[in-house]
Amino acid sequence: MTRPRLPRLPRLRAATRLAALALATAGVLLTVATPASAAVPTGRYVALGDSYTAGPLIPTQVDLNCLRSNRNYPSLVAASAGSSSFADVSCSGATTDDILYGGSGQLGIALPPQLNAVTSNTSLVTVQIGGNDIGFSGIIGDCAEASVSSPLGSPCKNRYTAGGVDQLQARIVAATPKITAVVQAVRQAAPGARVVVLGYPAILPDSGYGCWPVVPIAYQDVPYLRGVEKSLNAMLASVASANGATYADVYTPSIGRDACKGSGTRWVEGLVPQNSAAPFHPNARGEQGMATALIARLNS
């Protein structure tokens, strides 16, 4: 018998997302409370990052090539702070290479390096990157598919640790110099700016074994993948500290708001979103939560 296959989570890089885009952009605007006032410098604010920054499929999408929402956390922070100049160049599917060297968006349209938006008079730069450098979408897709054959086991962990080497931890180590290069390039482009590196919010519960099949990750794989995300966040925090940047923890405030929680609580959607968002990505509530965490870090 052929094993059933779950839909594969895309890297959000293909033009075939146009159908989903049409649904998202036709949706009703979400009402999102404005976070408390931020201690953001009144000068130029530049946001760099991937889909967790951009907010794919959250209404309203203002850049279809990058699947960027005007309700993502940079937009909320900029509005709260009253920044005199604001540039959000985050793009779904972005890696560190897209920040440093440029690339292309969802529609195949070429994009300059995100770093180009950082000018010498920039006062604040936020960076949220690294998930795609370790293969986030492929990992989630592989693990969700593997869970069908062994929902109580650890098929994903078995795959990525075969031979005694944890491939995902190795990917995090390999991504470290890339994140370092991004932070250093930002600091060189804007020597007087405050640079903040954000981690990633909780996708899976912070304890226990998940909620298969609602979130199709095998029970014993949940602790493993949770550990991978925490290792990625720890690396981001370490790179920030070593390079004169600030780290903003968005994982801790997201505990209890993971993809296994109800649609009115969760910050991150599951494989089949119940709020307007891409699968396994933040919804509008998650973007607001990250904005609040960022503002709290700026005020600390």
Protein backbone atom coordinates (compact mmCIF):
# COMPACT_ATOMS: atom_id res chain seq x y z
CA MET A 1 0.00 0.00 0.00
CA THR A 2 1.29 3.44 -0.87
CA ARG A 3 1.88 5.60 2.18
CA PRO A 4 -0.30 8.72 2.20
CA ARG A 5 1.59 11.94 1.63
CA LEU A 6 0.90 15.17 3.44
CA PRO A 7 1.10 18.48 1.59
CA ARG A 8 4.70 19.63 1.51
CA LEU A 9 5.34 22.95 3.22
CA PRO A 10 6.80 25.31 0.64
CA ARG A 11 9.70 27.62 1.18
CA LEU A 12 7.32 30.37 0.01
CA ARG A 13 9.43 31.06 -3.05
CA ALA A 14 7.19 29.97 -5.96
CA ALA A 15 4.75 31.84 -8.15
CA THR A 16 2.23 29.04 -7.58
CA ARG A 17 1.30 30.81 -4.34
CA LEU A 18 -0.80 33.26 -6.37
CA ALA A 19 -4.05 31.47 -5.56
CA ALA A 20 -3.39 31.74 -1.85
CA LEU A 21 -2.37 35.34 -2.36
CA ALA A 22 -5.68 36.14 -3.98
CA LEU A 23 -7.57 34.74 -1.02
CA ALA A 24 -5.40 36.61 1.45
CA THR A 25 -5.56 39.97 -0.26
CA ALA A 26 -9.33 39.67 -0.66
CA GLY A 27 -9.77 39.14 3.08
CA VAL A 28 -11.10 41.62 5.56
CA LEU A 29 -8.48 43.77 7.26
CA LEU A 30 -7.61 42.53 10.71
CA THR A 31 -7.91 44.98 13.57
CA VAL A 32 -4.67 44.86 15.52
CA ALA A 33 -4.06 46.86 18.65
CA THR A 34 -1.10 49.18 18.51
CA PRO A 35 1.65 48.16 20.95
CA ALA A 36 2.78 50.50 23.70
CA SER A 37 5.03 53.35 22.70
CA ALA A 38 8.57 52.28 21.93
CA ALA A 39 11.92 53.79 22.81
CA VAL A 40 12.85 53.69 19.12
CA PRO A 41 15.11 56.46 17.85
CA THR A 42 13.08 58.96 15.84
CA GLY A 43 15.36 58.57 12.83
CA ARG A 44 15.35 55.89 10.16
CA TYR A 45 14.21 52.34 11.02
CA VAL A 46 15.09 49.47 8.68
CA ALA A 47 13.67 45.94 9.04
CA LEU A 48 15.56 43.01 7.51
CA GLY A 49 14.40 39.42 7.58
CA ASP A 50 12.52 36.44 6.25
CA SER A 51 8.87 35.35 6.24
CA TYR A 52 8.53 35.49 10.04
CA THR A 53 9.22 39.20 9.67
CA ALA A 54 7.30 39.74 6.43
CA GLY A 55 4.03 38.10 7.55
CA PRO A 56 2.97 36.08 4.47
CA LEU A 57 -0.80 35.89 3.81
CA ILE A 58 -1.65 38.18 6.74
CA PRO A 59 -4.01 40.87 5.40
CA THR A 60 -3.20 43.20 3.88
CA GLN A 61 -0.36 42.04 1.64
CA VAL A 62 1.42 45.14 0.38
CA ASP A 63 4.21 43.39 -1.55
CA LEU A 64 3.20 40.25 -3.45
CA ASN A 65 6.75 39.48 -4.52
CA CYS A 66 7.82 39.21 -0.88
CA LEU A 67 4.44 38.28 0.66
CA ARG A 68 4.80 41.18 3.06
CA SER A 69 2.00 42.43 5.30
CA ASN A 70 1.38 45.93 6.59
CA ARG A 71 0.44 44.26 9.90
CA ASN A 72 3.82 42.65 10.52
CA TYR A 73 5.84 43.55 13.59
CA PRO A 74 8.12 46.12 11.90
CA SER A 75 5.07 48.07 10.68
CA LEU A 76 3.52 47.99 14.15
CA VAL A 77 6.74 49.10 15.83
CA ALA A 78 7.33 51.89 13.31
CA ALA A 79 3.77 53.18 13.76
CA SER A 80 4.07 53.03 17.54
CA ALA A 81 7.40 54.85 17.59
CA GLY A 82 6.53 57.41 14.97
CA SER A 83 9.75 56.74 13.07
CA SER A 84 10.55 59.59 10.72
CA SER A 85 11.66 57.14 8.02
CA PHE A 86 10.81 53.45 7.75
CA ALA A 87 11.99 50.79 5.30
CA ASP A 88 10.75 47.20 5.59
CA VAL A 89 12.64 45.06 3.07
CA SER A 90 11.93 41.70 4.70
CA CYS A 91 10.97 39.00 2.22
CA SER A 92 9.43 35.55 2.53
CA GLY A 93 11.96 32.86 1.72
CA ALA A 94 14.95 35.07 2.47
CA THR A 95 18.27 33.72 3.68
CA THR A 96 21.40 35.52 4.81
CA ASP A 97 22.49 35.60 1.15
CA ASP A 98 19.38 37.62 0.28
CA ILE A 99 20.34 40.18 2.91
CA LEU A 100 23.95 40.44 1.78
CA TYR A 101 23.82 39.79 -1.96
CA GLY A 102 20.21 39.95 -3.14
CA GLY A 103 18.02 37.35 -4.76
CA SER A 104 14.45 37.03 -5.99
CA GLY A 105 10.99 36.98 -4.44
CA GLN A 106 7.90 34.80 -4.79
CA LEU A 107 7.12 36.04 -8.29
CA GLY A 108 10.68 35.56 -9.48
CA ILE A 109 11.31 39.29 -9.53
CA ALA A 110 14.92 40.14 -8.74
CA LEU A 111 15.63 41.95 -5.50
CA PRO A 112 18.68 43.95 -4.41
CA PRO A 113 20.45 43.06 -1.18
CA GLN A 114 18.28 43.93 1.79
CA LEU A 115 21.40 45.52 3.24
CA ASN A 116 21.12 48.31 0.65
CA ALA A 117 18.27 49.81 2.69
CA VAL A 118 20.61 50.37 5.65
CA THR A 119 22.08 53.86 5.30
CA SER A 120 24.60 55.70 7.42
CA ASN A 121 21.86 57.77 9.08
CA THR A 122 19.82 54.73 10.12
CA SER A 123 18.97 54.74 13.84
CA LEU A 124 17.51 51.24 14.27
CA VAL A 125 17.91 47.98 12.36
CA THR A 126 16.05 44.79 13.23
CA VAL A 127 17.19 41.45 11.82
CA GLN A 128 15.31 38.15 11.92
CA ILE A 129 17.04 35.57 9.75
CA GLY A 130 18.47 32.05 9.90
CA GLY A 131 15.43 29.79 9.64
CA ASN A 132 15.77 29.31 5.90
CA ASP A 133 19.54 28.96 6.19
CA ILE A 134 18.98 25.73 8.14
CA GLY A 135 16.16 24.59 5.83
CA PHE A 136 13.09 25.37 7.97
CA SER A 137 10.42 24.55 5.37
CA GLY A 138 12.04 21.32 4.29
CA ILE A 139 12.49 20.17 7.88
CA ILE A 140 8.84 20.77 8.76
CA GLY A 141 7.66 19.13 5.54
CA ASP A 142 9.87 16.07 6.03
CA CYS A 143 8.87 15.65 9.67
CA ALA A 144 5.16 16.09 9.00
CA GLU A 145 5.25 13.49 6.24
CA ALA A 146 7.28 11.03 8.32
CA SER A 147 4.82 11.32 11.21
CA VAL A 148 2.11 9.55 9.20
CA SER A 149 3.95 6.22 9.41
CA SER A 150 5.00 6.55 13.07
CA PRO A 151 2.90 9.10 14.98
CA LEU A 152 4.08 7.87 18.39
CA GLY A 153 7.72 7.50 17.43
CA SER A 154 10.62 9.71 16.36
CA PRO A 155 10.99 9.18 12.60
CA CYS A 156 12.23 12.71 12.02
CA LYS A 157 14.88 12.57 14.74
CA ASN A 158 15.95 9.16 13.46
CA ARG A 159 16.41 10.61 9.97
CA TYR A 160 18.36 13.69 10.99
CA THR A 161 20.60 11.93 13.52
CA ALA A 162 21.35 8.83 11.48
CA GLY A 163 24.99 7.80 11.73
CA GLY A 164 25.46 9.54 15.05
CA VAL A 165 25.63 13.08 13.67
CA ASP A 166 22.81 15.55 14.27
CA GLN A 167 22.47 17.16 10.86
CA LEU A 168 20.25 20.00 12.09
CA GLN A 169 22.62 21.02 14.85
CA ALA A 170 25.39 20.93 12.25
CA ARG A 171 23.34 23.26 10.05
CA ILE A 172 23.01 25.71 12.94
CA VAL A 173 26.78 25.66 13.44
CA ALA A 174 27.28 26.22 9.69
CA ALA A 175 24.86 29.17 9.73
CA THR A 176 26.70 30.94 12.57
CA PRO A 177 29.31 32.72 10.40
CA LYS A 178 26.56 33.74 7.96
CA ILE A 179 24.54 35.42 10.72
CA THR A 180 27.75 37.00 11.99
CA ALA A 181 28.47 38.41 8.53
CA VAL A 182 24.99 39.96 8.38
CA VAL A 183 25.29 41.65 11.77
CA GLN A 184 28.76 42.94 11.03
CA ALA A 185 27.69 44.26 7.63
CA VAL A 186 24.76 46.09 9.22
CA ARG A 187 26.98 47.65 11.84
CA GLN A 188 29.45 48.76 9.18
CA ALA A 189 26.68 50.29 7.04
CA ALA A 190 25.14 52.15 10.00
CA PRO A 191 27.77 52.59 12.73
CA GLY A 192 25.47 54.65 14.94
CA ALA A 193 22.41 52.43 14.69
CA ARG A 194 21.00 50.18 17.36
CA VAL A 195 20.97 46.67 15.89
CA VAL A 196 18.48 44.15 17.26
CA VAL A 197 18.51 40.47 16.31
CA LEU A 198 15.21 38.67 16.91
CA GLY A 199 14.83 34.98 17.59
CA TYR A 200 11.85 32.87 16.54
CA PRO A 201 8.61 32.25 18.47
CA ALA A 202 7.51 28.84 19.72
CA ILE A 203 6.09 26.70 16.93
CA LEU A 204 5.56 23.60 19.07
CA PRO A 205 4.59 23.41 22.77
CA ASP A 206 7.41 24.22 25.18
CA SER A 207 6.77 20.94 27.01
CA GLY A 208 5.12 17.63 26.24
CA TYR A 209 4.65 15.80 22.98
CA GLY A 210 2.55 18.03 20.78
CA CYS A 211 -0.89 17.44 19.31
CA TRP A 212 -0.63 15.01 16.41
CA PRO A 213 -2.50 14.91 14.03
CA VAL A 214 -3.67 18.53 14.49
CA VAL A 215 -0.02 19.50 14.13
CA PRO A 216 1.40 16.47 12.32
CA ILE A 217 4.70 16.06 14.14
CA ALA A 218 5.25 12.65 15.74
CA TYR A 219 5.12 12.65 19.53
CA GLN A 220 8.77 11.79 20.13
CA ASP A 221 9.90 14.24 17.45
CA VAL A 222 8.33 17.21 19.24
CA PRO A 223 11.01 17.45 21.97
CA TYR A 224 13.70 17.02 19.33
CA LEU A 225 12.43 19.82 17.06
CA ARG A 226 11.79 22.04 20.08
CA GLY A 227 15.45 21.59 20.97
CA VAL A 228 16.51 22.48 17.43
CA GLU A 229 14.58 25.75 17.55
CA LYS A 230 16.00 26.61 20.96
CA SER A 231 19.51 25.91 19.66
CA LEU A 232 18.91 28.22 16.70
CA ASN A 233 17.68 30.97 19.01
CA ALA A 234 20.66 30.46 21.34
CA MET A 235 23.01 30.82 18.37
CA LEU A 236 21.30 34.04 17.29
CA ALA A 237 21.58 35.43 20.82
CA SER A 238 25.26 34.51 20.98
CA VAL A 239 26.06 36.12 17.63
CA ALA A 240 24.21 39.29 18.65
CA SER A 241 26.11 39.53 21.91
CA ALA A 242 29.48 38.89 20.27
CA ASN A 243 28.96 41.59 17.66
CA GLY A 244 27.62 44.52 19.64
CA ALA A 245 23.95 43.90 18.83
CA THR A 246 20.93 43.38 21.09
CA TYR A 247 19.00 40.11 21.15
CA ALA A 248 15.20 40.20 21.40
CA ASP A 249 13.70 37.00 22.81
CA VAL A 250 10.32 36.36 21.19
CA TYR A 251 10.26 32.68 22.18
CA THR A 252 9.60 33.15 25.90
CA PRO A 253 6.54 35.40 25.49
CA SER A 254 5.16 32.96 22.91
CA ILE A 255 5.17 29.97 25.29
CA GLY A 256 1.60 28.74 25.59
CA ARG A 257 0.74 30.34 22.25
CA ASP A 258 2.16 27.67 19.93
CA ALA A 259 0.48 26.01 16.95
CA CYS A 260 -1.22 23.42 19.16
CA LYS A 261 -3.30 26.06 20.93
CA GLY A 262 -6.75 27.26 19.87
CA SER A 263 -7.19 29.57 16.92
CA GLY A 264 -7.88 32.52 19.23
CA THR A 265 -4.70 31.96 21.28
CA ARG A 266 -1.95 30.77 18.99
CA TRP A 267 0.72 33.03 17.56
CA VAL A 268 1.83 30.49 14.96
CA GLU A 269 -0.47 28.53 12.66
CA GLY A 270 -0.27 24.80 11.98
CA LEU A 271 -0.24 22.90 8.70
CA VAL A 272 -3.82 23.99 7.96
CA PRO A 273 -4.09 27.61 9.17
CA GLN A 274 -7.25 28.70 10.96
CA ASN A 275 -6.22 32.35 10.83
CA SER A 276 -4.94 34.27 7.81
CA ALA A 277 -1.28 33.25 7.66
CA ALA A 278 1.00 30.80 5.91
CA PRO A 279 1.34 27.28 7.35
CA PHE A 280 3.68 27.14 10.35
CA HIS A 281 4.08 30.93 10.31
CA PRO A 282 2.97 33.72 12.63
CA ASN A 283 -0.54 35.10 12.30
CA ALA A 284 -1.45 38.74 13.03
CA ARG A 285 -1.56 37.96 16.76
CA GLY A 286 1.95 36.54 16.55
CA GLU A 287 3.24 39.58 14.70
CA GLN A 288 1.74 41.83 17.35
CA GLY A 289 3.25 39.65 20.07
CA MET A 290 6.68 39.96 18.50
CA ALA A 291 6.20 43.72 18.19
CA THR A 292 5.38 43.93 21.89
CA ALA A 293 8.43 41.82 22.79
CA LEU A 294 10.67 43.97 20.59
CA ILE A 295 9.36 47.18 22.12
CA ALA A 296 9.92 45.77 25.62
CA ARG A 297 13.52 44.95 24.66
CA LEU A 298 14.06 48.44 23.23
CA ASN A 299 12.74 49.93 26.46
CA SER A 300 14.87 47.74 28.71
